[in-house]
Amino acid sequence: MQLRHALLGAALSGAAFLALQAGQAAAGQPAGPPPGPVYPAATPKGNYAALNNLPDWGGVWIVAAQRRAAGAPAPEAPAPKGKYKETLETARAYAAAHNGEPLRVVNNCTAPGVPYIMTVGQYPIEWLFTPGRVTMLAEAWTGQRRIYTDGRKHIPPEDAELSFYGDSIGHWEGDTLVVETINMKPSNQIATNVFHSDKMIVRERIHLDPANPDFMVDEITVEDVEALEHPFHQTIRYQRRRDLEPLEFICAENDRNPLTEGGVAGFVQ
């Protein structure tokens, strides 16, 4: 019923807008764009010079090997609670009973989304700077993150359409890109088989390593008051390659891991 009302409302709004345009045309007035704010990212012409002051993030970036020094503590692990902890424990029990095979709740062609996409090894990412926006292109799953830096606010959760890469708003603090992301699909994972609620907020501080600008650092903090006992922190390092280009990644072309009727990813030859 709610969907029907929403579709009806959209149809009526569209009809009203078309009627307004027709009235303007009849009155000899040019039909204008639909009402709404015009953001700087949508009007980039003539505003590219300032991009030269941003750091050089050219080339592609691949997750670097994370070697732990002898005696150093193990990396932090997320601490799910409630039903999210039960989901993790069920997945671990399944793996233990199936020779380590992980329990999958989505097929292999489903994008992992934020924050997991930032930890995927092997597949490179690249960054594009345009006025009012930083765009991250991931080879894996042909992922696209649009991080708006033009001063806009987050879409209110009640109005948002959940997505794999969420609603990312960023700003520059010197040479560090500070990003906050909300409004992500429930299938996104914080870590393997650690899921989130609609309260999840992912905050990132992305910058070049001061000791070596051919390494990038993404300091990630995940907050979720419903799913986590406390915020989860991880730091991902990437190494730059200026001699590589991302390849086309069309997972659906060779999807051999569809979900079965029981919701488990199988393998089809």
C-alpha atoms as a PDB file:
ATOM      1  CA  MET A   1       0.000   0.000   0.000  1.00  0.00           C
ATOM      2  CA  GLN A   2       2.817   2.439   0.878  1.00  0.00           C
ATOM      3  CA  LEU A   3       4.546   1.663  -2.403  1.00  0.00           C
ATOM      4  CA  ARG A   4       1.309   2.274  -4.298  1.00  0.00           C
ATOM      5  CA  HIS A   5       0.872   5.629  -2.567  1.00  0.00           C
ATOM      6  CA  ALA A   6       4.479   6.541  -3.298  1.00  0.00           C
ATOM      7  CA  LEU A   7       4.113   5.681  -6.980  1.00  0.00           C
ATOM      8  CA  LEU A   8       0.847   7.572  -7.190  1.00  0.00           C
ATOM      9  CA  GLY A   9       2.428  10.585  -5.522  1.00  0.00           C
ATOM     10  CA  ALA A  10       5.355  10.471  -7.932  1.00  0.00           C
ATOM     11  CA  ALA A  11       2.993  10.254 -10.903  1.00  0.00           C
ATOM     12  CA  LEU A  12       0.940  13.199  -9.673  1.00  0.00           C
ATOM     13  CA  SER A  13       4.083  15.230  -9.004  1.00  0.00           C
ATOM     14  CA  GLY A  14       5.349  14.443 -12.493  1.00  0.00           C
ATOM     15  CA  ALA A  15       1.993  15.379 -14.010  1.00  0.00           C
ATOM     16  CA  ALA A  16       1.974  18.655 -12.097  1.00  0.00           C
ATOM     17  CA  PHE A  17       5.475  19.493 -13.296  1.00  0.00           C
ATOM     18  CA  LEU A  18       4.578  18.695 -16.911  1.00  0.00           C
ATOM     19  CA  ALA A  19       1.470  20.853 -16.614  1.00  0.00           C
ATOM     20  CA  LEU A  20       3.599  23.699 -15.244  1.00  0.00           C
ATOM     21  CA  GLN A  21       6.016  23.364 -18.161  1.00  0.00           C
ATOM     22  CA  ALA A  22       3.119  23.350 -20.638  1.00  0.00           C
ATOM     23  CA  GLY A  23       1.697  26.484 -19.032  1.00  0.00           C
ATOM     24  CA  GLN A  24       5.057  28.240 -19.217  1.00  0.00           C
ATOM     25  CA  ALA A  25       5.468  27.294 -22.864  1.00  0.00           C
ATOM     26  CA  ALA A  26       1.971  28.536 -23.652  1.00  0.00           C
ATOM     27  CA  ALA A  27       2.806  31.843 -21.978  1.00  0.00           C
ATOM     28  CA  GLY A  28       5.945  32.190 -24.055  1.00  0.00           C
ATOM     29  CA  GLN A  29       8.245  31.435 -21.110  1.00  0.00           C
ATOM     30  CA  PRO A  30      11.039  28.876 -21.494  1.00  0.00           C
ATOM     31  CA  ALA A  31      10.516  25.719 -19.513  1.00  0.00           C
ATOM     32  CA  GLY A  32      13.002  25.660 -16.617  1.00  0.00           C
ATOM     33  CA  PRO A  33      14.615  22.788 -14.726  1.00  0.00           C
ATOM     34  CA  PRO A  34      12.693  21.102 -11.918  1.00  0.00           C
ATOM     35  CA  PRO A  35      12.877  22.992  -8.620  1.00  0.00           C
ATOM     36  CA  GLY A  36      15.641  22.095  -6.200  1.00  0.00           C
ATOM     37  CA  PRO A  37      19.101  23.198  -5.045  1.00  0.00           C
ATOM     38  CA  VAL A  38      21.944  23.450  -7.538  1.00  0.00           C
ATOM     39  CA  TYR A  39      25.104  22.019  -5.992  1.00  0.00           C
ATOM     40  CA  PRO A  40      28.636  23.049  -7.033  1.00  0.00           C
ATOM     41  CA  ALA A  41      29.424  19.463  -8.059  1.00  0.00           C
ATOM     42  CA  ALA A  42      26.679  19.758 -10.677  1.00  0.00           C
ATOM     43  CA  THR A  43      28.148  22.970 -12.141  1.00  0.00           C
ATOM     44  CA  PRO A  44      31.882  22.242 -12.518  1.00  0.00           C
ATOM     45  CA  LYS A  45      32.638  24.379 -15.583  1.00  0.00           C
ATOM     46  CA  GLY A  46      35.326  26.951 -14.885  1.00  0.00           C
ATOM     47  CA  ASN A  47      36.093  25.613 -11.396  1.00  0.00           C
ATOM     48  CA  TYR A  48      38.930  23.179 -12.061  1.00  0.00           C
ATOM     49  CA  ALA A  49      41.929  25.377 -11.177  1.00  0.00           C
ATOM     50  CA  ALA A  50      41.539  24.796  -7.437  1.00  0.00           C
ATOM     51  CA  LEU A  51      42.055  21.052  -7.935  1.00  0.00           C
ATOM     52  CA  ASN A  52      45.759  21.671  -8.536  1.00  0.00           C
ATOM     53  CA  ASN A  53      46.086  22.446  -4.830  1.00  0.00           C
ATOM     54  CA  LEU A  54      44.870  18.975  -3.843  1.00  0.00           C
ATOM     55  CA  PRO A  55      47.334  16.127  -3.244  1.00  0.00           C
ATOM     56  CA  ASP A  56      48.465  13.894  -6.101  1.00  0.00           C
ATOM     57  CA  TRP A  57      46.361  10.715  -5.910  1.00  0.00           C
ATOM     58  CA  GLY A  58      47.082   9.724  -9.527  1.00  0.00           C
ATOM     59  CA  GLY A  59      47.629   6.162 -10.674  1.00  0.00           C
ATOM     60  CA  VAL A  60      45.861   3.160  -9.205  1.00  0.00           C
ATOM     61  CA  TRP A  61      46.043   1.880  -5.641  1.00  0.00           C
ATOM     62  CA  ILE A  62      46.187  -1.728  -4.459  1.00  0.00           C
ATOM     63  CA  VAL A  63      45.846  -2.895  -0.856  1.00  0.00           C
ATOM     64  CA  ALA A  64      49.390  -3.344   0.475  1.00  0.00           C
ATOM     65  CA  ALA A  65      50.535  -6.347   2.476  1.00  0.00           C
ATOM     66  CA  GLN A  66      49.839  -5.671   6.145  1.00  0.00           C
ATOM     67  CA  ARG A  67      52.768  -7.297   7.934  1.00  0.00           C
ATOM     68  CA  ARG A  68      52.646  -7.186  11.708  1.00  0.00           C
ATOM     69  CA  ALA A  69      55.902  -6.593  13.534  1.00  0.00           C
ATOM     70  CA  ALA A  70      57.054  -9.286  15.921  1.00  0.00           C
ATOM     71  CA  GLY A  71      55.324  -8.880  19.260  1.00  0.00           C
ATOM     72  CA  ALA A  72      52.827  -6.352  17.937  1.00  0.00           C
ATOM     73  CA  PRO A  73      49.186  -6.851  18.966  1.00  0.00           C
ATOM     74  CA  ALA A  74      46.790  -8.504  16.546  1.00  0.00           C
ATOM     75  CA  PRO A  75      44.626  -6.162  14.448  1.00  0.00           C
ATOM     76  CA  GLU A  76      41.397  -5.058  16.079  1.00  0.00           C
ATOM     77  CA  ALA A  77      38.346  -7.168  15.308  1.00  0.00           C
ATOM     78  CA  PRO A  78      34.740  -5.910  15.324  1.00  0.00           C
ATOM     79  CA  ALA A  79      32.715  -6.857  18.403  1.00  0.00           C
ATOM     80  CA  PRO A  80      29.118  -7.500  17.302  1.00  0.00           C
ATOM     81  CA  LYS A  81      26.347  -7.831  19.855  1.00  0.00           C
ATOM     82  CA  GLY A  82      22.823  -9.226  20.065  1.00  0.00           C
ATOM     83  CA  LYS A  83      21.478 -10.802  16.890  1.00  0.00           C
ATOM     84  CA  TYR A  84      24.541  -9.625  14.972  1.00  0.00           C
ATOM     85  CA  LYS A  85      26.788 -11.659  17.282  1.00  0.00           C
ATOM     86  CA  GLU A  86      24.505 -14.665  16.846  1.00  0.00           C
ATOM     87  CA  THR A  87      24.810 -14.337  13.045  1.00  0.00           C
ATOM     88  CA  LEU A  88      28.599 -14.347  13.303  1.00  0.00           C
ATOM     89  CA  GLU A  89      28.616 -17.364  15.604  1.00  0.00           C
ATOM     90  CA  THR A  90      26.294 -19.255  13.243  1.00  0.00           C
ATOM     91  CA  ALA A  91      28.622 -18.500  10.327  1.00  0.00           C
ATOM     92  CA  ARG A  92      31.654 -19.694  12.285  1.00  0.00           C
ATOM     93  CA  ALA A  93      29.887 -22.918  13.266  1.00  0.00           C
ATOM     94  CA  TYR A  94      28.938 -23.529   9.628  1.00  0.00           C
ATOM     95  CA  ALA A  95      32.528 -23.020   8.477  1.00  0.00           C
ATOM     96  CA  ALA A  96      33.825 -25.353  11.170  1.00  0.00           C
ATOM     97  CA  ALA A  97      31.402 -28.059  10.026  1.00  0.00           C
ATOM     98  CA  HIS A  98      32.178 -27.593   6.302  1.00  0.00           C
ATOM     99  CA  ASN A  99      35.967 -27.679   6.139  1.00  0.00           C
ATOM    100  CA  GLY A 100      36.285 -23.922   6.417  1.00  0.00           C
ATOM    101  CA  GLU A 101      33.825 -23.099   3.635  1.00  0.00           C
ATOM    102  CA  PRO A 102      32.214 -19.770   4.583  1.00  0.00           C
ATOM    103  CA  LEU A 103      28.496 -19.350   4.989  1.00  0.00           C
ATOM    104  CA  ARG A 104      27.280 -16.964   2.297  1.00  0.00           C
ATOM    105  CA  VAL A 105      24.103 -14.950   2.508  1.00  0.00           C
ATOM    106  CA  VAL A 106      24.576 -13.235  -0.867  1.00  0.00           C
ATOM    107  CA  ASN A 107      26.087 -14.507  -4.104  1.00  0.00           C
ATOM    108  CA  ASN A 108      29.565 -13.639  -5.304  1.00  0.00           C
ATOM    109  CA  CYS A 109      28.279 -11.014  -7.729  1.00  0.00           C
ATOM    110  CA  THR A 110      26.755  -8.894  -4.968  1.00  0.00           C
ATOM    111  CA  ALA A 111      28.968  -5.902  -4.249  1.00  0.00           C
ATOM    112  CA  PRO A 112      30.248  -5.796  -0.651  1.00  0.00           C
ATOM    113  CA  GLY A 113      29.719  -2.052  -0.338  1.00  0.00           C
ATOM    114  CA  VAL A 114      31.119   0.265   2.322  1.00  0.00           C
ATOM    115  CA  PRO A 115      33.206  -0.322   4.390  1.00  0.00           C
ATOM    116  CA  TYR A 116      34.219  -3.771   3.099  1.00  0.00           C
ATOM    117  CA  ILE A 117      35.050  -2.575  -0.430  1.00  0.00           C
ATOM    118  CA  MET A 118      37.952  -0.565   1.008  1.00  0.00           C
ATOM    119  CA  THR A 119      39.630  -3.751   2.251  1.00  0.00           C
ATOM    120  CA  VAL A 120      39.426  -5.875  -0.906  1.00  0.00           C
ATOM    121  CA  GLY A 121      42.883  -6.933  -2.022  1.00  0.00           C
ATOM    122  CA  GLN A 122      44.131  -7.702  -5.557  1.00  0.00           C
ATOM    123  CA  TYR A 123      41.691  -5.369  -7.334  1.00  0.00           C
ATOM    124  CA  PRO A 124      42.881  -1.753  -7.760  1.00  0.00           C
ATOM    125  CA  ILE A 125      41.011   1.450  -7.079  1.00  0.00           C
ATOM    126  CA  GLU A 126      41.505   4.886  -8.580  1.00  0.00           C
ATOM    127  CA  TRP A 127      40.471   8.393  -7.546  1.00  0.00           C
ATOM    128  CA  LEU A 128      39.090  11.199  -9.698  1.00  0.00           C
ATOM    129  CA  PHE A 129      38.973  14.816  -8.522  1.00  0.00           C
ATOM    130  CA  THR A 130      36.305  17.104  -9.951  1.00  0.00           C
ATOM    131  CA  PRO A 131      34.923  20.315  -8.453  1.00  0.00           C
ATOM    132  CA  GLY A 132      32.767  19.498  -5.448  1.00  0.00           C
ATOM    133  CA  ARG A 133      33.284  15.754  -5.653  1.00  0.00           C
ATOM    134  CA  VAL A 134      35.832  12.979  -5.210  1.00  0.00           C
ATOM    135  CA  THR A 135      34.974   9.767  -7.076  1.00  0.00           C
ATOM    136  CA  MET A 136      36.471   6.406  -6.230  1.00  0.00           C
ATOM    137  CA  LEU A 137      36.336   3.793  -8.971  1.00  0.00           C
ATOM    138  CA  ALA A 138      36.918   0.201  -7.879  1.00  0.00           C
ATOM    139  CA  GLU A 139      37.770  -2.506 -10.386  1.00  0.00           C
ATOM    140  CA  ALA A 140      35.990  -5.055  -8.183  1.00  0.00           C
ATOM    141  CA  TRP A 141      32.262  -5.190  -8.946  1.00  0.00           C
ATOM    142  CA  THR A 142      32.741  -2.005 -11.023  1.00  0.00           C
ATOM    143  CA  GLY A 143      32.195  -0.104  -7.787  1.00  0.00           C
ATOM    144  CA  GLN A 144      31.642   3.648  -7.757  1.00  0.00           C
ATOM    145  CA  ARG A 145      31.806   5.817  -4.646  1.00  0.00           C
ATOM    146  CA  ARG A 146      30.742   9.440  -5.006  1.00  0.00           C
ATOM    147  CA  ILE A 147      32.053  11.524  -2.117  1.00  0.00           C
ATOM    148  CA  TYR A 148      30.554  15.004  -2.276  1.00  0.00           C
ATOM    149  CA  THR A 149      32.714  17.883  -1.043  1.00  0.00           C
ATOM    150  CA  ASP A 150      30.474  20.747  -2.173  1.00  0.00           C
ATOM    151  CA  GLY A 151      28.888  21.482   1.206  1.00  0.00           C
ATOM    152  CA  ARG A 152      25.674  19.477   0.819  1.00  0.00           C
ATOM    153  CA  LYS A 153      24.212  17.603   3.784  1.00  0.00           C
ATOM    154  CA  HIS A 154      23.348  13.935   4.140  1.00  0.00           C
ATOM    155  CA  ILE A 155      20.054  12.717   2.727  1.00  0.00           C
ATOM    156  CA  PRO A 156      17.770  12.165   5.743  1.00  0.00           C
ATOM    157  CA  PRO A 157      17.484   8.407   6.394  1.00  0.00           C
ATOM    158  CA  GLU A 158      13.708   8.546   6.025  1.00  0.00           C
ATOM    159  CA  ASP A 159      14.126   9.906   2.470  1.00  0.00           C
ATOM    160  CA  ALA A 160      17.155   7.877   1.411  1.00  0.00           C
ATOM    161  CA  GLU A 161      17.254   4.922  -0.919  1.00  0.00           C
ATOM    162  CA  LEU A 162      19.759   2.539   0.646  1.00  0.00           C
ATOM    163  CA  SER A 163      22.711   1.647  -1.548  1.00  0.00           C
ATOM    164  CA  PHE A 164      25.881  -0.424  -1.469  1.00  0.00           C
ATOM    165  CA  TYR A 165      28.152   2.613  -1.336  1.00  0.00           C
ATOM    166  CA  GLY A 166      25.891   4.796   0.753  1.00  0.00           C
ATOM    167  CA  ASP A 167      25.591   8.548   1.036  1.00  0.00           C
ATOM    168  CA  SER A 168      29.135   9.897   1.415  1.00  0.00           C
ATOM    169  CA  ILE A 169      29.834  13.499   2.424  1.00  0.00           C
ATOM    170  CA  GLY A 170      33.414  14.694   2.662  1.00  0.00           C
ATOM    171  CA  HIS A 171      35.647  17.680   3.195  1.00  0.00           C
ATOM    172  CA  TRP A 172      39.348  18.379   3.029  1.00  0.00           C
ATOM    173  CA  GLU A 173      41.435  19.031   6.128  1.00  0.00           C
ATOM    174  CA  GLY A 174      44.712  20.015   4.525  1.00  0.00           C
ATOM    175  CA  ASP A 175      45.754  16.999   2.449  1.00  0.00           C
ATOM    176  CA  THR A 176      43.404  14.596   4.270  1.00  0.00           C
ATOM    177  CA  LEU A 177      39.989  13.713   2.865  1.00  0.00           C
ATOM    178  CA  VAL A 178      37.546  13.290   5.751  1.00  0.00           C
ATOM    179  CA  VAL A 179      34.471  11.237   4.823  1.00  0.00           C
ATOM    180  CA  GLU A 180      31.265  10.239   6.597  1.00  0.00           C
ATOM    181  CA  THR A 181      28.990   7.610   5.018  1.00  0.00           C
ATOM    182  CA  ILE A 182      25.469   6.544   6.029  1.00  0.00           C
ATOM    183  CA  ASN A 183      22.365   5.001   4.385  1.00  0.00           C
ATOM    184  CA  MET A 184      23.831   1.634   3.333  1.00  0.00           C
ATOM    185  CA  LYS A 185      22.118  -1.618   2.392  1.00  0.00           C
ATOM    186  CA  PRO A 186      21.711  -4.182   5.178  1.00  0.00           C
ATOM    187  CA  SER A 187      23.684  -6.712   3.093  1.00  0.00           C
ATOM    188  CA  ASN A 188      26.867  -4.642   3.539  1.00  0.00           C
ATOM    189  CA  GLN A 189      29.329  -6.222   5.935  1.00  0.00           C
ATOM    190  CA  ILE A 190      31.640  -4.537   8.431  1.00  0.00           C
ATOM    191  CA  ALA A 191      33.843  -7.625   8.237  1.00  0.00           C
ATOM    192  CA  THR A 192      33.163 -11.170   7.066  1.00  0.00           C
ATOM    193  CA  ASN A 193      29.718 -12.169   8.419  1.00  0.00           C
ATOM    194  CA  VAL A 194      29.543  -9.077  10.649  1.00  0.00           C
ATOM    195  CA  PHE A 195      26.479  -7.136   9.557  1.00  0.00           C
ATOM    196  CA  HIS A 196      25.113  -3.758  10.596  1.00  0.00           C
ATOM    197  CA  SER A 197      21.946  -1.932  11.545  1.00  0.00           C
ATOM    198  CA  ASP A 198      20.500   1.230  10.019  1.00  0.00           C
ATOM    199  CA  LYS A 199      22.453   3.175  12.650  1.00  0.00           C
ATOM    200  CA  MET A 200      25.850   2.431  11.097  1.00  0.00           C
ATOM    201  CA  ILE A 201      28.123   5.385  10.391  1.00  0.00           C
ATOM    202  CA  VAL A 202      31.440   4.888   8.594  1.00  0.00           C
ATOM    203  CA  ARG A 203      34.028   7.614   9.088  1.00  0.00           C
ATOM    204  CA  GLU A 204      37.286   7.738   7.141  1.00  0.00           C
ATOM    205  CA  ARG A 205      40.437   9.832   7.068  1.00  0.00           C
ATOM    206  CA  ILE A 206      42.218   9.207   3.767  1.00  0.00           C
ATOM    207  CA  HIS A 207      45.674  10.635   3.091  1.00  0.00           C
ATOM    208  CA  LEU A 208      49.077   9.886   1.621  1.00  0.00           C
ATOM    209  CA  ASP A 209      51.733   8.452   3.922  1.00  0.00           C
ATOM    210  CA  PRO A 210      53.969  11.386   4.930  1.00  0.00           C
ATOM    211  CA  ALA A 211      56.991   9.067   4.827  1.00  0.00           C
ATOM    212  CA  ASN A 212      56.244   7.781   1.306  1.00  0.00           C
ATOM    213  CA  PRO A 213      53.617   9.391  -0.947  1.00  0.00           C
ATOM    214  CA  ASP A 214      53.370   6.201  -3.004  1.00  0.00           C
ATOM    215  CA  PHE A 215      51.422   4.723  -0.098  1.00  0.00           C
ATOM    216  CA  MET A 216      47.909   5.794   0.879  1.00  0.00           C
ATOM    217  CA  VAL A 217      46.353   5.341   4.310  1.00  0.00           C
ATOM    218  CA  ASP A 218      42.631   4.961   5.030  1.00  0.00           C
ATOM    219  CA  GLU A 219      41.840   5.219   8.739  1.00  0.00           C
ATOM    220  CA  ILE A 220      38.353   3.734   9.115  1.00  0.00           C
ATOM    221  CA  THR A 221      36.063   3.968  12.131  1.00  0.00           C
ATOM    222  CA  VAL A 222      32.728   2.129  12.104  1.00  0.00           C
ATOM    223  CA  GLU A 223      30.112   3.126  14.668  1.00  0.00           C
ATOM    224  CA  ASP A 224      26.874   1.213  15.161  1.00  0.00           C
ATOM    225  CA  VAL A 225      25.160   1.509  18.526  1.00  0.00           C
ATOM    226  CA  GLU A 226      22.809  -1.374  17.738  1.00  0.00           C
ATOM    227  CA  ALA A 227      25.201  -3.856  16.145  1.00  0.00           C
ATOM    228  CA  LEU A 228      28.564  -3.235  17.820  1.00  0.00           C
ATOM    229  CA  GLU A 229      29.699  -3.252  21.441  1.00  0.00           C
ATOM    230  CA  HIS A 230      32.039  -0.371  20.639  1.00  0.00           C
ATOM    231  CA  PRO A 231      33.368   1.429  17.543  1.00  0.00           C
ATOM    232  CA  PHE A 232      35.552  -0.668  15.265  1.00  0.00           C
ATOM    233  CA  HIS A 233      38.810   0.768  13.922  1.00  0.00           C
ATOM    234  CA  GLN A 234      40.997  -0.432  11.102  1.00  0.00           C
ATOM    235  CA  THR A 235      43.745   1.135   9.038  1.00  0.00           C
ATOM    236  CA  ILE A 236      44.189   0.060   5.424  1.00  0.00           C
ATOM    237  CA  ARG A 237      47.310   0.868   3.425  1.00  0.00           C
ATOM    238  CA  TYR A 238      47.461   0.961  -0.365  1.00  0.00           C
ATOM    239  CA  GLN A 239      50.440   1.049  -2.699  1.00  0.00           C
ATOM    240  CA  ARG A 240      50.422   3.246  -5.800  1.00  0.00           C
ATOM    241  CA  ARG A 241      51.013   1.891  -9.300  1.00  0.00           C
ATOM    242  CA  ARG A 242      51.307   4.354 -12.161  1.00  0.00           C
ATOM    243  CA  ASP A 243      51.867   1.631 -14.752  1.00  0.00           C
ATOM    244  CA  LEU A 244      48.535  -0.191 -14.409  1.00  0.00           C
ATOM    245  CA  GLU A 245      44.955   0.435 -15.461  1.00  0.00           C
ATOM    246  CA  PRO A 246      41.801  -1.127 -13.963  1.00  0.00           C
ATOM    247  CA  LEU A 247      40.199  -3.900 -15.995  1.00  0.00           C
ATOM    248  CA  GLU A 248      36.519  -4.289 -16.774  1.00  0.00           C
ATOM    249  CA  PHE A 249      34.798  -6.378 -14.100  1.00  0.00           C
ATOM    250  CA  ILE A 250      31.380  -7.659 -15.189  1.00  0.00           C
ATOM    251  CA  CYS A 251      30.595 -10.282 -12.579  1.00  0.00           C
ATOM    252  CA  ALA A 252      27.156 -11.138 -13.958  1.00  0.00           C
ATOM    253  CA  GLU A 253      28.788 -12.379 -17.169  1.00  0.00           C
ATOM    254  CA  ASN A 254      30.142 -15.430 -15.336  1.00  0.00           C
ATOM    255  CA  ASP A 255      28.059 -15.717 -12.176  1.00  0.00           C
ATOM    256  CA  ARG A 256      28.491 -19.290 -10.993  1.00  0.00           C
ATOM    257  CA  ASN A 257      27.445 -18.700  -7.400  1.00  0.00           C
ATOM    258  CA  PRO A 258      23.683 -18.097  -7.422  1.00  0.00           C
ATOM    259  CA  LEU A 259      21.705 -18.445  -4.234  1.00  0.00           C
ATOM    260  CA  THR A 260      19.773 -21.671  -3.761  1.00  0.00           C
ATOM    261  CA  GLU A 261      16.150 -21.780  -2.605  1.00  0.00           C
ATOM    262  CA  GLY A 262      17.488 -22.145   0.925  1.00  0.00           C
ATOM    263  CA  GLY A 263      19.430 -18.928   0.650  1.00  0.00           C
ATOM    264  CA  VAL A 264      22.870 -20.570   0.373  1.00  0.00           C
ATOM    265  CA  ALA A 265      25.306 -19.762  -2.447  1.00  0.00           C
ATOM    266  CA  GLY A 266      25.907 -22.853  -4.525  1.00  0.00           C
ATOM    267  CA  PHE A 267      28.235 -23.526  -7.454  1.00  0.00           C
ATOM    268  CA  VAL A 268      26.978 -24.073 -11.000  1.00  0.00           C
ATOM    269  CA  GLN A 269      29.263 -25.467 -13.690  1.00  0.00           C
END
